[in-house]
Amino acid sequence: AYLNVGIILVSQGNIEEAKRTFHTCADIPDENLKDPHAHKSSVTSCLYNLGKLLHEQGQHE
């Protein structure tokens, strides 16, 4: 859910909220989840999109 929300926020131009959403997604622990593998895949996608967003903004550090 966080991944999709982040992508929508980016498409709406709400960049700061999208960054926070992608960070929140990445910070959710995978312990005691029904499908930890799916969660790890989602976290990877959130981090990818966060990195892409930061790169587009010229934040390369």
C-alpha atoms as a PDB file:
ATOM      1  CA  ALA A   1       0.000   0.000   0.000  1.00  0.00           C
ATOM      2  CA  TYR A   2       2.803   2.443   0.867  1.00  0.00           C
ATOM      3  CA  LEU A   3       4.468   1.857  -2.483  1.00  0.00           C
ATOM      4  CA  ASN A   4       1.319   2.710  -4.429  1.00  0.00           C
ATOM      5  CA  VAL A   5       0.593   5.749  -2.255  1.00  0.00           C
ATOM      6  CA  GLY A   6       4.148   7.005  -2.776  1.00  0.00           C
ATOM      7  CA  ILE A   7       3.891   6.605  -6.533  1.00  0.00           C
ATOM      8  CA  ILE A   8       0.577   8.475  -6.592  1.00  0.00           C
ATOM      9  CA  LEU A   9       2.017  11.274  -4.451  1.00  0.00           C
ATOM     10  CA  VAL A  10       4.939  11.654  -6.869  1.00  0.00           C
ATOM     11  CA  SER A  11       2.555  11.813  -9.829  1.00  0.00           C
ATOM     12  CA  GLN A  12       0.606  14.555  -8.029  1.00  0.00           C
ATOM     13  CA  GLY A  13       3.788  16.517  -7.373  1.00  0.00           C
ATOM     14  CA  ASN A  14       3.683  16.002  -3.602  1.00  0.00           C
ATOM     15  CA  ILE A  15       7.372  15.118  -3.420  1.00  0.00           C
ATOM     16  CA  GLU A  16       8.054  15.618   0.297  1.00  0.00           C
ATOM     17  CA  GLU A  17       5.081  13.483   1.314  1.00  0.00           C
ATOM     18  CA  ALA A  18       6.162  10.826  -1.193  1.00  0.00           C
ATOM     19  CA  LYS A  19       9.645  10.755   0.361  1.00  0.00           C
ATOM     20  CA  ARG A  20       8.143  10.288   3.831  1.00  0.00           C
ATOM     21  CA  THR A  21       5.876   7.537   2.524  1.00  0.00           C
ATOM     22  CA  PHE A  22       8.747   5.642   0.894  1.00  0.00           C
ATOM     23  CA  HIS A  23      10.800   5.974   4.101  1.00  0.00           C
ATOM     24  CA  THR A  24       7.879   4.680   6.170  1.00  0.00           C
ATOM     25  CA  CYS A  25       7.548   1.688   3.865  1.00  0.00           C
ATOM     26  CA  ALA A  26      11.230   0.873   4.249  1.00  0.00           C
ATOM     27  CA  ASP A  27      11.073   1.162   8.050  1.00  0.00           C
ATOM     28  CA  ILE A  28       8.316  -1.408   8.602  1.00  0.00           C
ATOM     29  CA  PRO A  29       9.901  -4.536  10.127  1.00  0.00           C
ATOM     30  CA  ASP A  30       9.259  -7.845   8.389  1.00  0.00           C
ATOM     31  CA  GLU A  31       8.925  -9.869  11.579  1.00  0.00           C
ATOM     32  CA  ASN A  32       5.640 -11.702  12.167  1.00  0.00           C
ATOM     33  CA  LEU A  33       4.224 -10.815   8.758  1.00  0.00           C
ATOM     34  CA  LYS A  34       2.069 -13.211   6.789  1.00  0.00           C
ATOM     35  CA  ASP A  35       4.328 -12.964   3.730  1.00  0.00           C
ATOM     36  CA  PRO A  36       7.777 -11.554   4.602  1.00  0.00           C
ATOM     37  CA  HIS A  37       9.055 -12.200   1.061  1.00  0.00           C
ATOM     38  CA  ALA A  38       6.363  -9.979  -0.466  1.00  0.00           C
ATOM     39  CA  HIS A  39       7.158  -7.323   2.125  1.00  0.00           C
ATOM     40  CA  LYS A  40      10.860  -7.396   1.256  1.00  0.00           C
ATOM     41  CA  SER A  41       9.978  -7.016  -2.404  1.00  0.00           C
ATOM     42  CA  SER A  42       7.782  -4.028  -1.572  1.00  0.00           C
ATOM     43  CA  VAL A  43      10.537  -2.460   0.549  1.00  0.00           C
ATOM     44  CA  THR A  44      12.971  -2.890  -2.338  1.00  0.00           C
ATOM     45  CA  SER A  45      10.545  -1.139  -4.679  1.00  0.00           C
ATOM     46  CA  CYS A  46       9.999   1.684  -2.174  1.00  0.00           C
ATOM     47  CA  LEU A  47      13.738   2.218  -1.813  1.00  0.00           C
ATOM     48  CA  TYR A  48      14.187   2.124  -5.590  1.00  0.00           C
ATOM     49  CA  ASN A  49      11.500   4.762  -6.065  1.00  0.00           C
ATOM     50  CA  LEU A  50      12.949   6.877  -3.259  1.00  0.00           C
ATOM     51  CA  GLY A  51      16.393   6.700  -4.869  1.00  0.00           C
ATOM     52  CA  LYS A  52      14.962   7.563  -8.271  1.00  0.00           C
ATOM     53  CA  LEU A  53      13.124  10.530  -6.786  1.00  0.00           C
ATOM     54  CA  LEU A  54      16.214  11.806  -4.981  1.00  0.00           C
ATOM     55  CA  HIS A  55      18.299  11.379  -8.133  1.00  0.00           C
ATOM     56  CA  GLU A  56      15.790  13.368 -10.161  1.00  0.00           C
ATOM     57  CA  GLN A  57      16.048  16.145  -7.569  1.00  0.00           C
ATOM     58  CA  GLY A  58      19.833  16.135  -7.814  1.00  0.00           C
ATOM     59  CA  GLN A  59      20.325  14.712  -4.320  1.00  0.00           C
ATOM     60  CA  HIS A  60      23.100  12.236  -5.042  1.00  0.00           C
ATOM     61  CA  GLU A  61      24.464  11.791  -1.517  1.00  0.00           C
END
